[in-house]
Amino acid sequence: MTAAHPPRPLSAARSRRLARFPVRTDLHGLSVRGEQLHVTTPRGPLPLYRFTPLQAAVLCGERVPYAAEWPEHMKLFLYRYQPLPTLTGATGPHAAHLGAQPRDPHGLRPWDQATYGGWPLYLFLHDQPGAPATGEVTDLFEVVLVGQPALPLSGARGHGP
């Protein structure tokens, strides 16, 4: 068993990439395009994603580690997905399905994460407001559909990359 690595300082290039994600104050609420759930921003809607292996982990009683705990070769992939901060003041018919889950307060992304039907929500770094979703990866990250069944309950806290 190896010891956890302390977070590394952000390089200038990595800091610029992370800055491409919208800031919390630009996230206004939920919208629907087709059957896909989006977060509303001043520049247009952004698609939301769920980490699909989470359902199997919950059903098996396992915990999915945060991205910082994954092997180094996977981090570049996982860091392209940002946990969606909680949406304060969201209204509308889908806001009733919103929730929040705490994250590791000492991690790279320590804010409480928005959930939809129990599923932690993510944004993809390369998506553009108003454009189609580009972050789907078969059996890993899928767009959240409005009719998505809720994530089964689990006794574990803090799931996800």
C-alpha atoms as a PDB file:
ATOM      1  CA  MET A   1       0.000   0.000   0.000  1.00  0.00           C
ATOM      2  CA  THR A   2       1.359   3.410  -0.934  1.00  0.00           C
ATOM      3  CA  ALA A   3       0.898   6.667   0.891  1.00  0.00           C
ATOM      4  CA  ALA A   4      -1.342   9.316  -0.632  1.00  0.00           C
ATOM      5  CA  HIS A   5       0.534  11.960  -2.589  1.00  0.00           C
ATOM      6  CA  PRO A   6       0.010  15.598  -1.583  1.00  0.00           C
ATOM      7  CA  PRO A   7      -1.574  17.731  -4.317  1.00  0.00           C
ATOM      8  CA  ARG A   8       0.982  19.161  -6.720  1.00  0.00           C
ATOM      9  CA  PRO A   9       1.054  22.870  -7.528  1.00  0.00           C
ATOM     10  CA  LEU A  10      -0.693  23.662 -10.796  1.00  0.00           C
ATOM     11  CA  SER A  11       1.539  24.308 -13.780  1.00  0.00           C
ATOM     12  CA  ALA A  12       0.728  27.398 -15.847  1.00  0.00           C
ATOM     13  CA  ALA A  13      -0.616  25.247 -18.715  1.00  0.00           C
ATOM     14  CA  ARG A  14      -2.751  23.117 -16.393  1.00  0.00           C
ATOM     15  CA  SER A  15      -4.029  26.221 -14.638  1.00  0.00           C
ATOM     16  CA  ARG A  16      -5.116  27.665 -18.020  1.00  0.00           C
ATOM     17  CA  ARG A  17      -6.920  24.411 -18.908  1.00  0.00           C
ATOM     18  CA  LEU A  18      -8.778  24.367 -15.609  1.00  0.00           C
ATOM     19  CA  ALA A  19      -9.664  28.030 -16.083  1.00  0.00           C
ATOM     20  CA  ARG A  20     -11.655  27.017 -19.187  1.00  0.00           C
ATOM     21  CA  PHE A  21     -14.307  25.506 -16.945  1.00  0.00           C
ATOM     22  CA  PRO A  22     -17.014  28.030 -16.034  1.00  0.00           C
ATOM     23  CA  VAL A  23     -16.748  29.620 -12.615  1.00  0.00           C
ATOM     24  CA  ARG A  24     -19.341  28.768 -10.004  1.00  0.00           C
ATOM     25  CA  THR A  25     -21.137  32.120 -10.311  1.00  0.00           C
ATOM     26  CA  ASP A  26     -21.749  31.426 -14.036  1.00  0.00           C
ATOM     27  CA  LEU A  27     -23.728  28.239 -13.310  1.00  0.00           C
ATOM     28  CA  HIS A  28     -27.357  29.284 -13.097  1.00  0.00           C
ATOM     29  CA  GLY A  29     -29.590  26.236 -13.276  1.00  0.00           C
ATOM     30  CA  LEU A  30     -30.670  23.294 -15.370  1.00  0.00           C
ATOM     31  CA  SER A  31     -32.019  23.124 -18.900  1.00  0.00           C
ATOM     32  CA  VAL A  32     -32.947  20.291 -21.233  1.00  0.00           C
ATOM     33  CA  ARG A  33     -31.959  19.882 -24.884  1.00  0.00           C
ATOM     34  CA  GLY A  34     -33.615  16.859 -26.428  1.00  0.00           C
ATOM     35  CA  GLU A  35     -33.432  14.415 -23.537  1.00  0.00           C
ATOM     36  CA  GLN A  36     -30.051  15.617 -22.242  1.00  0.00           C
ATOM     37  CA  LEU A  37     -29.608  17.597 -19.046  1.00  0.00           C
ATOM     38  CA  HIS A  38     -27.487  20.772 -19.259  1.00  0.00           C
ATOM     39  CA  VAL A  39     -26.322  23.469 -16.886  1.00  0.00           C
ATOM     40  CA  THR A  40     -27.212  26.995 -17.944  1.00  0.00           C
ATOM     41  CA  THR A  41     -24.378  29.529 -18.273  1.00  0.00           C
ATOM     42  CA  PRO A  42     -24.284  33.108 -19.669  1.00  0.00           C
ATOM     43  CA  ARG A  43     -22.628  31.773 -22.864  1.00  0.00           C
ATOM     44  CA  GLY A  44     -25.147  28.940 -23.363  1.00  0.00           C
ATOM     45  CA  PRO A  45     -25.975  25.489 -21.992  1.00  0.00           C
ATOM     46  CA  LEU A  46     -23.261  22.931 -21.229  1.00  0.00           C
ATOM     47  CA  PRO A  47     -23.985  19.171 -21.210  1.00  0.00           C
ATOM     48  CA  LEU A  48     -23.713  17.272 -17.949  1.00  0.00           C
ATOM     49  CA  TYR A  49     -22.122  13.847 -17.533  1.00  0.00           C
ATOM     50  CA  ARG A  50     -22.242  10.940 -15.115  1.00  0.00           C
ATOM     51  CA  PHE A  51     -19.496   8.433 -14.345  1.00  0.00           C
ATOM     52  CA  THR A  52     -21.216   5.163 -15.321  1.00  0.00           C
ATOM     53  CA  PRO A  53     -19.016   2.679 -13.363  1.00  0.00           C
ATOM     54  CA  LEU A  54     -20.361   4.306 -10.191  1.00  0.00           C
ATOM     55  CA  GLN A  55     -23.589   2.277 -10.328  1.00  0.00           C
ATOM     56  CA  ALA A  56     -21.716  -1.058 -10.281  1.00  0.00           C
ATOM     57  CA  ALA A  57     -19.464   0.190  -7.491  1.00  0.00           C
ATOM     58  CA  VAL A  58     -22.434   1.243  -5.371  1.00  0.00           C
ATOM     59  CA  LEU A  59     -24.211  -2.076  -5.946  1.00  0.00           C
ATOM     60  CA  CYS A  60     -21.032  -3.955  -4.936  1.00  0.00           C
ATOM     61  CA  GLY A  61     -20.440  -1.781  -1.868  1.00  0.00           C
ATOM     62  CA  GLU A  62     -17.216  -0.338  -3.251  1.00  0.00           C
ATOM     63  CA  ARG A  63     -15.976   3.254  -3.353  1.00  0.00           C
ATOM     64  CA  VAL A  64     -14.810   4.908  -6.575  1.00  0.00           C
ATOM     65  CA  PRO A  65     -11.648   6.887  -5.760  1.00  0.00           C
ATOM     66  CA  TYR A  66     -11.273  10.575  -6.516  1.00  0.00           C
ATOM     67  CA  ALA A  67      -9.183  11.387  -9.614  1.00  0.00           C
ATOM     68  CA  ALA A  68      -6.150  12.313  -7.492  1.00  0.00           C
ATOM     69  CA  GLU A  69      -6.091   8.722  -6.161  1.00  0.00           C
ATOM     70  CA  TRP A  70      -6.041   7.091  -9.623  1.00  0.00           C
ATOM     71  CA  PRO A  71      -2.797   5.969 -11.325  1.00  0.00           C
ATOM     72  CA  GLU A  72      -0.780   8.776 -12.877  1.00  0.00           C
ATOM     73  CA  HIS A  73      -1.449   7.579 -16.433  1.00  0.00           C
ATOM     74  CA  MET A  74      -5.231   7.980 -15.894  1.00  0.00           C
ATOM     75  CA  LYS A  75      -5.151  11.459 -14.343  1.00  0.00           C
ATOM     76  CA  LEU A  76      -4.748  13.359 -17.621  1.00  0.00           C
ATOM     77  CA  PHE A  77      -7.952  11.729 -18.838  1.00  0.00           C
ATOM     78  CA  LEU A  78      -9.919  12.148 -15.599  1.00  0.00           C
ATOM     79  CA  TYR A  79      -8.945  15.788 -15.052  1.00  0.00           C
ATOM     80  CA  ARG A  80     -10.815  16.673 -18.259  1.00  0.00           C
ATOM     81  CA  TYR A  81     -14.005  16.153 -16.235  1.00  0.00           C
ATOM     82  CA  GLN A  82     -14.800  18.645 -13.497  1.00  0.00           C
ATOM     83  CA  PRO A  83     -17.266  17.920 -10.690  1.00  0.00           C
ATOM     84  CA  LEU A  84     -20.172  20.336 -11.069  1.00  0.00           C
ATOM     85  CA  PRO A  85     -20.374  22.614  -8.023  1.00  0.00           C
ATOM     86  CA  THR A  86     -23.737  22.702  -6.277  1.00  0.00           C
ATOM     87  CA  LEU A  87     -26.300  24.901  -7.988  1.00  0.00           C
ATOM     88  CA  THR A  88     -27.771  27.410  -5.575  1.00  0.00           C
ATOM     89  CA  GLY A  89     -31.112  28.881  -6.512  1.00  0.00           C
ATOM     90  CA  ALA A  90     -31.842  26.442  -9.365  1.00  0.00           C
ATOM     91  CA  THR A  91     -35.548  26.361 -10.183  1.00  0.00           C
ATOM     92  CA  GLY A  92     -37.802  24.511 -12.597  1.00  0.00           C
ATOM     93  CA  PRO A  93     -39.189  20.994 -12.842  1.00  0.00           C
ATOM     94  CA  HIS A  94     -35.791  19.283 -12.766  1.00  0.00           C
ATOM     95  CA  ALA A  95     -34.419  21.199  -9.783  1.00  0.00           C
ATOM     96  CA  ALA A  96     -36.312  18.840  -7.461  1.00  0.00           C
ATOM     97  CA  HIS A  97     -33.919  16.045  -8.486  1.00  0.00           C
ATOM     98  CA  LEU A  98     -30.832  18.087  -7.574  1.00  0.00           C
ATOM     99  CA  GLY A  99     -28.807  17.284  -4.516  1.00  0.00           C
ATOM    100  CA  ALA A 100     -25.288  17.725  -3.237  1.00  0.00           C
ATOM    101  CA  GLN A 101     -22.522  15.497  -1.967  1.00  0.00           C
ATOM    102  CA  PRO A 102     -19.387  16.492  -0.103  1.00  0.00           C
ATOM    103  CA  ARG A 103     -15.981  15.937  -1.648  1.00  0.00           C
ATOM    104  CA  ASP A 104     -12.544  15.551  -0.134  1.00  0.00           C
ATOM    105  CA  PRO A 105     -11.893  18.964   1.487  1.00  0.00           C
ATOM    106  CA  HIS A 106      -8.138  18.517   0.940  1.00  0.00           C
ATOM    107  CA  GLY A 107      -8.338  17.517  -2.722  1.00  0.00           C
ATOM    108  CA  LEU A 108      -7.866  19.428  -5.962  1.00  0.00           C
ATOM    109  CA  ARG A 109     -11.633  20.027  -6.257  1.00  0.00           C
ATOM    110  CA  PRO A 110     -12.845  20.447  -2.670  1.00  0.00           C
ATOM    111  CA  TRP A 111     -16.293  21.994  -3.300  1.00  0.00           C
ATOM    112  CA  ASP A 112     -19.586  20.180  -2.713  1.00  0.00           C
ATOM    113  CA  GLN A 113     -20.679  18.456  -5.925  1.00  0.00           C
ATOM    114  CA  ALA A 114     -24.123  18.713  -7.515  1.00  0.00           C
ATOM    115  CA  THR A 115     -26.021  15.464  -8.017  1.00  0.00           C
ATOM    116  CA  TYR A 116     -29.059  14.597 -10.111  1.00  0.00           C
ATOM    117  CA  GLY A 117     -31.085  11.634  -8.895  1.00  0.00           C
ATOM    118  CA  GLY A 118     -28.093  10.724  -6.744  1.00  0.00           C
ATOM    119  CA  TRP A 119     -25.670  10.749  -9.715  1.00  0.00           C
ATOM    120  CA  PRO A 120     -22.688  13.096  -9.245  1.00  0.00           C
ATOM    121  CA  LEU A 121     -22.584  15.551 -12.159  1.00  0.00           C
ATOM    122  CA  TYR A 122     -19.559  16.493 -14.251  1.00  0.00           C
ATOM    123  CA  LEU A 123     -18.619  19.037 -16.937  1.00  0.00           C
ATOM    124  CA  PHE A 124     -16.237  18.171 -19.783  1.00  0.00           C
ATOM    125  CA  LEU A 125     -13.312  20.536 -20.446  1.00  0.00           C
ATOM    126  CA  HIS A 126     -13.661  20.566 -24.234  1.00  0.00           C
ATOM    127  CA  ASP A 127     -17.433  21.142 -24.492  1.00  0.00           C
ATOM    128  CA  GLN A 128     -18.520  24.504 -25.883  1.00  0.00           C
ATOM    129  CA  PRO A 129     -21.658  26.318 -24.674  1.00  0.00           C
ATOM    130  CA  GLY A 130     -24.602  25.563 -26.952  1.00  0.00           C
ATOM    131  CA  ALA A 131     -22.715  22.867 -28.903  1.00  0.00           C
ATOM    132  CA  PRO A 132     -23.353  19.096 -28.813  1.00  0.00           C
ATOM    133  CA  ALA A 133     -21.725  16.983 -26.079  1.00  0.00           C
ATOM    134  CA  THR A 134     -18.210  15.790 -26.949  1.00  0.00           C
ATOM    135  CA  GLY A 135     -17.181  14.115 -23.688  1.00  0.00           C
ATOM    136  CA  GLU A 136     -18.965  10.781 -23.925  1.00  0.00           C
ATOM    137  CA  VAL A 137     -16.694   7.766 -23.474  1.00  0.00           C
ATOM    138  CA  THR A 138     -18.386   4.372 -23.740  1.00  0.00           C
ATOM    139  CA  ASP A 139     -18.750   2.693 -20.342  1.00  0.00           C
ATOM    140  CA  LEU A 140     -17.068   5.597 -18.515  1.00  0.00           C
ATOM    141  CA  PHE A 141     -18.740   8.989 -18.967  1.00  0.00           C
ATOM    142  CA  GLU A 142     -22.219   9.410 -20.462  1.00  0.00           C
ATOM    143  CA  VAL A 143     -24.457  12.442 -20.808  1.00  0.00           C
ATOM    144  CA  VAL A 144     -27.169  12.657 -18.169  1.00  0.00           C
ATOM    145  CA  LEU A 145     -30.626  12.029 -19.547  1.00  0.00           C
ATOM    146  CA  VAL A 146     -33.677  13.631 -17.941  1.00  0.00           C
ATOM    147  CA  GLY A 147     -35.304  10.208 -17.441  1.00  0.00           C
ATOM    148  CA  GLN A 148     -32.115   8.679 -16.018  1.00  0.00           C
ATOM    149  CA  PRO A 149     -32.984   6.202 -13.251  1.00  0.00           C
ATOM    150  CA  ALA A 150     -31.747   7.346  -9.848  1.00  0.00           C
ATOM    151  CA  LEU A 151     -28.491   5.970  -8.518  1.00  0.00           C
ATOM    152  CA  PRO A 152     -29.160   3.247  -5.924  1.00  0.00           C
ATOM    153  CA  LEU A 153     -28.585   4.339  -2.358  1.00  0.00           C
ATOM    154  CA  SER A 154     -25.264   3.586  -0.760  1.00  0.00           C
ATOM    155  CA  GLY A 155     -23.813   3.935   2.698  1.00  0.00           C
ATOM    156  CA  ALA A 156     -20.554   5.213   1.198  1.00  0.00           C
ATOM    157  CA  ARG A 157     -19.870   8.953   0.869  1.00  0.00           C
ATOM    158  CA  GLY A 158     -17.903  10.891  -1.672  1.00  0.00           C
ATOM    159  CA  HIS A 159     -17.919   8.896  -4.881  1.00  0.00           C
ATOM    160  CA  GLY A 160     -16.224   9.744  -8.094  1.00  0.00           C
ATOM    161  CA  PRO A 161     -13.333  11.178 -10.001  1.00  0.00           C
END
